């Protein structure tokens, strides 16, 4: 369920709030192959199902950066900021990939809005996110992202 805020003042009131969890998204071999084509990273552990089945994870795994790239579509399910003209990714403070994402896995995001700070023309938010693997004991990714919203 998405939280909708209208403007920066409402966004600031959410600082420190849990934003909940997104819906699950499946990581298919087609998604992995498309990411490999986009980035030029065709390492066998990602794109060769037969060889990867004999590898350390028993199946192809998603690129770590593919897992990270899913943060935005999952995050947009949690928070909708209206009344701004521009939304941009500003960077990352922390990224870790504690567990591999095997092809066919389902992922979701659990997030917390850790801070909202004024910047010229808008605000910068820090979001602590955990990308969970359905049935997994460790998360696929733990990340703190920075985004800016301008009026």
C-alpha atoms as a PDB file:
ATOM      1  CA  UNK A   1       0.000   0.000   0.000  1.00  0.00           C
ATOM      2  CA  UNK A   2       1.430   3.331  -1.056  1.00  0.00           C
ATOM      3  CA  UNK A   3       1.741   6.378   1.179  1.00  0.00           C
ATOM      4  CA  UNK A   4       0.907   9.569  -0.702  1.00  0.00           C
ATOM      5  CA  UNK A   5       2.198  12.953   0.420  1.00  0.00           C
ATOM      6  CA  UNK A   6       1.417  16.321  -1.087  1.00  0.00           C
ATOM      7  CA  UNK A   7       4.442  18.567  -1.029  1.00  0.00           C
ATOM      8  CA  UNK A   8       7.658  18.776   0.884  1.00  0.00           C
ATOM      9  CA  UNK A   9       6.123  19.748   4.229  1.00  0.00           C
ATOM     10  CA  UNK A  10       4.120  16.516   4.333  1.00  0.00           C
ATOM     11  CA  UNK A  11       7.194  14.571   3.275  1.00  0.00           C
ATOM     12  CA  UNK A  12       9.217  16.081   6.123  1.00  0.00           C
ATOM     13  CA  UNK A  13       6.626  14.846   8.622  1.00  0.00           C
ATOM     14  CA  UNK A  14       7.353  11.263   7.525  1.00  0.00           C
ATOM     15  CA  UNK A  15      11.024  11.386   8.557  1.00  0.00           C
ATOM     16  CA  UNK A  16      11.788   8.350  10.687  1.00  0.00           C
ATOM     17  CA  UNK A  17       8.699   6.467   9.487  1.00  0.00           C
ATOM     18  CA  UNK A  18       8.417   2.883   8.347  1.00  0.00           C
ATOM     19  CA  UNK A  19       7.113   2.866   4.769  1.00  0.00           C
ATOM     20  CA  UNK A  20       6.035  -0.785   4.788  1.00  0.00           C
ATOM     21  CA  UNK A  21       6.714  -3.474   2.209  1.00  0.00           C
ATOM     22  CA  UNK A  22       6.165  -3.633  -1.532  1.00  0.00           C
ATOM     23  CA  UNK A  23       4.528  -6.382  -3.535  1.00  0.00           C
ATOM     24  CA  UNK A  24       6.672  -9.326  -4.600  1.00  0.00           C
ATOM     25  CA  UNK A  25       8.426  -9.232  -7.985  1.00  0.00           C
ATOM     26  CA  UNK A  26       9.831 -12.323  -9.718  1.00  0.00           C
ATOM     27  CA  UNK A  27      13.354 -12.345 -11.085  1.00  0.00           C
ATOM     28  CA  UNK A  28      13.146 -14.333 -14.320  1.00  0.00           C
ATOM     29  CA  UNK A  29      15.928 -15.541 -16.608  1.00  0.00           C
ATOM     30  CA  UNK A  30      14.565 -13.160 -19.240  1.00  0.00           C
ATOM     31  CA  UNK A  31      15.003 -10.202 -16.848  1.00  0.00           C
ATOM     32  CA  UNK A  32      18.558 -11.326 -16.074  1.00  0.00           C
ATOM     33  CA  UNK A  33      19.392 -11.744 -19.777  1.00  0.00           C
ATOM     34  CA  UNK A  34      17.937  -8.330 -20.608  1.00  0.00           C
ATOM     35  CA  UNK A  35      20.040  -6.747 -17.858  1.00  0.00           C
ATOM     36  CA  UNK A  36      23.112  -8.568 -19.170  1.00  0.00           C
ATOM     37  CA  UNK A  37      22.436  -7.201 -22.661  1.00  0.00           C
ATOM     38  CA  UNK A  38      21.968  -3.670 -21.312  1.00  0.00           C
ATOM     39  CA  UNK A  39      25.189  -3.711 -19.285  1.00  0.00           C
ATOM     40  CA  UNK A  40      27.411  -6.020 -21.318  1.00  0.00           C
ATOM     41  CA  UNK A  41      27.891  -8.296 -18.270  1.00  0.00           C
ATOM     42  CA  UNK A  42      27.295 -11.780 -19.677  1.00  0.00           C
ATOM     43  CA  UNK A  43      29.154 -13.739 -16.999  1.00  0.00           C
ATOM     44  CA  UNK A  44      28.065 -17.402 -17.120  1.00  0.00           C
ATOM     45  CA  UNK A  45      26.829 -17.382 -13.521  1.00  0.00           C
ATOM     46  CA  UNK A  46      24.011 -15.115 -14.750  1.00  0.00           C
ATOM     47  CA  UNK A  47      23.353 -16.094 -18.362  1.00  0.00           C
ATOM     48  CA  UNK A  48      24.258 -19.768 -18.844  1.00  0.00           C
ATOM     49  CA  UNK A  49      21.598 -21.845 -17.040  1.00  0.00           C
ATOM     50  CA  UNK A  50      23.277 -25.206 -17.765  1.00  0.00           C
ATOM     51  CA  UNK A  51      26.699 -24.151 -16.521  1.00  0.00           C
ATOM     52  CA  UNK A  52      25.237 -22.153 -13.607  1.00  0.00           C
ATOM     53  CA  UNK A  53      23.299 -25.256 -12.474  1.00  0.00           C
ATOM     54  CA  UNK A  54      26.708 -26.853 -11.840  1.00  0.00           C
ATOM     55  CA  UNK A  55      28.069 -23.717 -10.155  1.00  0.00           C
ATOM     56  CA  UNK A  56      28.156 -22.701  -6.503  1.00  0.00           C
ATOM     57  CA  UNK A  57      24.501 -21.573  -6.347  1.00  0.00           C
ATOM     58  CA  UNK A  58      22.899 -24.431  -8.306  1.00  0.00           C
ATOM     59  CA  UNK A  59      21.156 -22.042 -10.696  1.00  0.00           C
ATOM     60  CA  UNK A  60      21.745 -18.744 -12.487  1.00  0.00           C
ATOM     61  CA  UNK A  61      21.766 -15.746 -10.175  1.00  0.00           C
ATOM     62  CA  UNK A  62      20.833 -12.127 -10.785  1.00  0.00           C
ATOM     63  CA  UNK A  63      23.534  -9.517 -11.066  1.00  0.00           C
ATOM     64  CA  UNK A  64      23.904  -7.584  -7.816  1.00  0.00           C
ATOM     65  CA  UNK A  65      23.289  -4.372  -9.714  1.00  0.00           C
ATOM     66  CA  UNK A  66      20.127  -5.828 -11.220  1.00  0.00           C
ATOM     67  CA  UNK A  67      18.882  -6.473  -7.691  1.00  0.00           C
ATOM     68  CA  UNK A  68      19.833  -2.909  -6.754  1.00  0.00           C
ATOM     69  CA  UNK A  69      18.084  -1.501  -9.844  1.00  0.00           C
ATOM     70  CA  UNK A  70      14.809  -3.043  -8.677  1.00  0.00           C
ATOM     71  CA  UNK A  71      14.839  -0.667  -5.693  1.00  0.00           C
ATOM     72  CA  UNK A  72      13.113   2.114  -7.668  1.00  0.00           C
ATOM     73  CA  UNK A  73      10.137   0.159  -9.050  1.00  0.00           C
ATOM     74  CA  UNK A  74       9.642  -1.435  -5.636  1.00  0.00           C
ATOM     75  CA  UNK A  75      10.035   1.884  -3.789  1.00  0.00           C
ATOM     76  CA  UNK A  76       7.460   3.621  -5.984  1.00  0.00           C
ATOM     77  CA  UNK A  77       4.920   1.163  -4.578  1.00  0.00           C
ATOM     78  CA  UNK A  78       5.618   2.534  -1.087  1.00  0.00           C
ATOM     79  CA  UNK A  79       5.825   6.316  -1.395  1.00  0.00           C
ATOM     80  CA  UNK A  80       4.206   8.733  -3.851  1.00  0.00           C
ATOM     81  CA  UNK A  81       5.413  12.319  -3.500  1.00  0.00           C
ATOM     82  CA  UNK A  82       3.169  14.806  -5.276  1.00  0.00           C
ATOM     83  CA  UNK A  83       3.523  18.555  -5.653  1.00  0.00           C
ATOM     84  CA  UNK A  84       7.140  18.403  -6.803  1.00  0.00           C
ATOM     85  CA  UNK A  85       8.539  19.065 -10.267  1.00  0.00           C
ATOM     86  CA  UNK A  86      11.558  16.790 -10.247  1.00  0.00           C
ATOM     87  CA  UNK A  87      12.587  13.550  -8.515  1.00  0.00           C
ATOM     88  CA  UNK A  88      16.189  12.350  -8.898  1.00  0.00           C
ATOM     89  CA  UNK A  89      18.424   9.642  -7.507  1.00  0.00           C
ATOM     90  CA  UNK A  90      21.281  11.358  -5.703  1.00  0.00           C
ATOM     91  CA  UNK A  91      23.387   8.395  -4.657  1.00  0.00           C
ATOM     92  CA  UNK A  92      23.963   5.625  -2.198  1.00  0.00           C
ATOM     93  CA  UNK A  93      25.501   5.629   1.244  1.00  0.00           C
ATOM     94  CA  UNK A  94      25.573   1.874   1.687  1.00  0.00           C
ATOM     95  CA  UNK A  95      24.984  -1.221  -0.428  1.00  0.00           C
ATOM     96  CA  UNK A  96      25.531  -4.853   0.524  1.00  0.00           C
ATOM     97  CA  UNK A  97      24.411  -8.072  -1.189  1.00  0.00           C
ATOM     98  CA  UNK A  98      24.229 -10.674   1.626  1.00  0.00           C
ATOM     99  CA  UNK A  99      22.479 -13.402  -0.393  1.00  0.00           C
ATOM    100  CA  UNK A 100      22.356 -14.386  -4.064  1.00  0.00           C
ATOM    101  CA  UNK A 101      19.112 -14.064  -6.019  1.00  0.00           C
ATOM    102  CA  UNK A 102      18.513 -17.310  -7.880  1.00  0.00           C
ATOM    103  CA  UNK A 103      16.487 -17.215 -11.075  1.00  0.00           C
ATOM    104  CA  UNK A 104      12.790 -17.611 -10.184  1.00  0.00           C
ATOM    105  CA  UNK A 105      13.178 -15.913  -6.798  1.00  0.00           C
ATOM    106  CA  UNK A 106      10.645 -13.378  -5.639  1.00  0.00           C
ATOM    107  CA  UNK A 107      11.827 -10.112  -4.102  1.00  0.00           C
ATOM    108  CA  UNK A 108      10.176  -7.301  -2.189  1.00  0.00           C
ATOM    109  CA  UNK A 109      11.343  -4.114  -0.512  1.00  0.00           C
ATOM    110  CA  UNK A 110      10.906  -3.180   3.127  1.00  0.00           C
ATOM    111  CA  UNK A 111      11.817   0.486   3.645  1.00  0.00           C
ATOM    112  CA  UNK A 112      12.118   3.228   6.229  1.00  0.00           C
ATOM    113  CA  UNK A 113      12.410   6.956   5.521  1.00  0.00           C
ATOM    114  CA  UNK A 114      15.394   7.612   7.759  1.00  0.00           C
ATOM    115  CA  UNK A 115      15.804  11.345   7.112  1.00  0.00           C
ATOM    116  CA  UNK A 116      14.534  14.352   5.192  1.00  0.00           C
ATOM    117  CA  UNK A 117      16.893  17.329   4.909  1.00  0.00           C
ATOM    118  CA  UNK A 118      16.533  20.676   3.174  1.00  0.00           C
ATOM    119  CA  UNK A 119      18.697  21.308   0.098  1.00  0.00           C
ATOM    120  CA  UNK A 120      18.570  24.342  -2.203  1.00  0.00           C
ATOM    121  CA  UNK A 121      15.235  24.178  -4.042  1.00  0.00           C
ATOM    122  CA  UNK A 122      13.960  21.054  -2.328  1.00  0.00           C
ATOM    123  CA  UNK A 123      14.764  18.205   0.034  1.00  0.00           C
ATOM    124  CA  UNK A 124      17.027  15.205   0.146  1.00  0.00           C
ATOM    125  CA  UNK A 125      15.727  11.966   1.611  1.00  0.00           C
ATOM    126  CA  UNK A 126      17.648   8.963   2.889  1.00  0.00           C
ATOM    127  CA  UNK A 127      15.839   5.635   2.705  1.00  0.00           C
ATOM    128  CA  UNK A 128      17.001   2.499   4.483  1.00  0.00           C
ATOM    129  CA  UNK A 129      15.869  -0.441   2.402  1.00  0.00           C
ATOM    130  CA  UNK A 130      16.052  -4.195   2.633  1.00  0.00           C
ATOM    131  CA  UNK A 131      15.348  -6.240  -0.477  1.00  0.00           C
ATOM    132  CA  UNK A 132      14.012  -9.506   0.873  1.00  0.00           C
ATOM    133  CA  UNK A 133      14.013 -12.913  -0.849  1.00  0.00           C
ATOM    134  CA  UNK A 134      10.792 -14.878  -0.447  1.00  0.00           C
ATOM    135  CA  UNK A 135      11.641 -17.796   1.842  1.00  0.00           C
ATOM    136  CA  UNK A 136      15.234 -16.641   2.285  1.00  0.00           C
ATOM    137  CA  UNK A 137      17.109 -16.364   5.550  1.00  0.00           C
ATOM    138  CA  UNK A 138      19.208 -13.380   4.419  1.00  0.00           C
ATOM    139  CA  UNK A 139      18.241 -10.332   2.373  1.00  0.00           C
ATOM    140  CA  UNK A 140      19.311  -9.993  -1.246  1.00  0.00           C
ATOM    141  CA  UNK A 141      20.376  -6.393  -0.628  1.00  0.00           C
ATOM    142  CA  UNK A 142      20.633  -3.895   2.183  1.00  0.00           C
ATOM    143  CA  UNK A 143      20.871  -0.335   0.957  1.00  0.00           C
ATOM    144  CA  UNK A 144      20.644   3.294   1.985  1.00  0.00           C
ATOM    145  CA  UNK A 145      19.628   5.442  -0.962  1.00  0.00           C
ATOM    146  CA  UNK A 146      19.572   9.201  -1.347  1.00  0.00           C
ATOM    147  CA  UNK A 147      16.984  10.986  -3.494  1.00  0.00           C
ATOM    148  CA  UNK A 148      16.172  14.614  -4.071  1.00  0.00           C
ATOM    149  CA  UNK A 149      12.791  16.206  -4.656  1.00  0.00           C
ATOM    150  CA  UNK A 150      12.592  19.688  -6.117  1.00  0.00           C
ATOM    151  CA  UNK A 151       9.673  22.123  -6.278  1.00  0.00           C
END
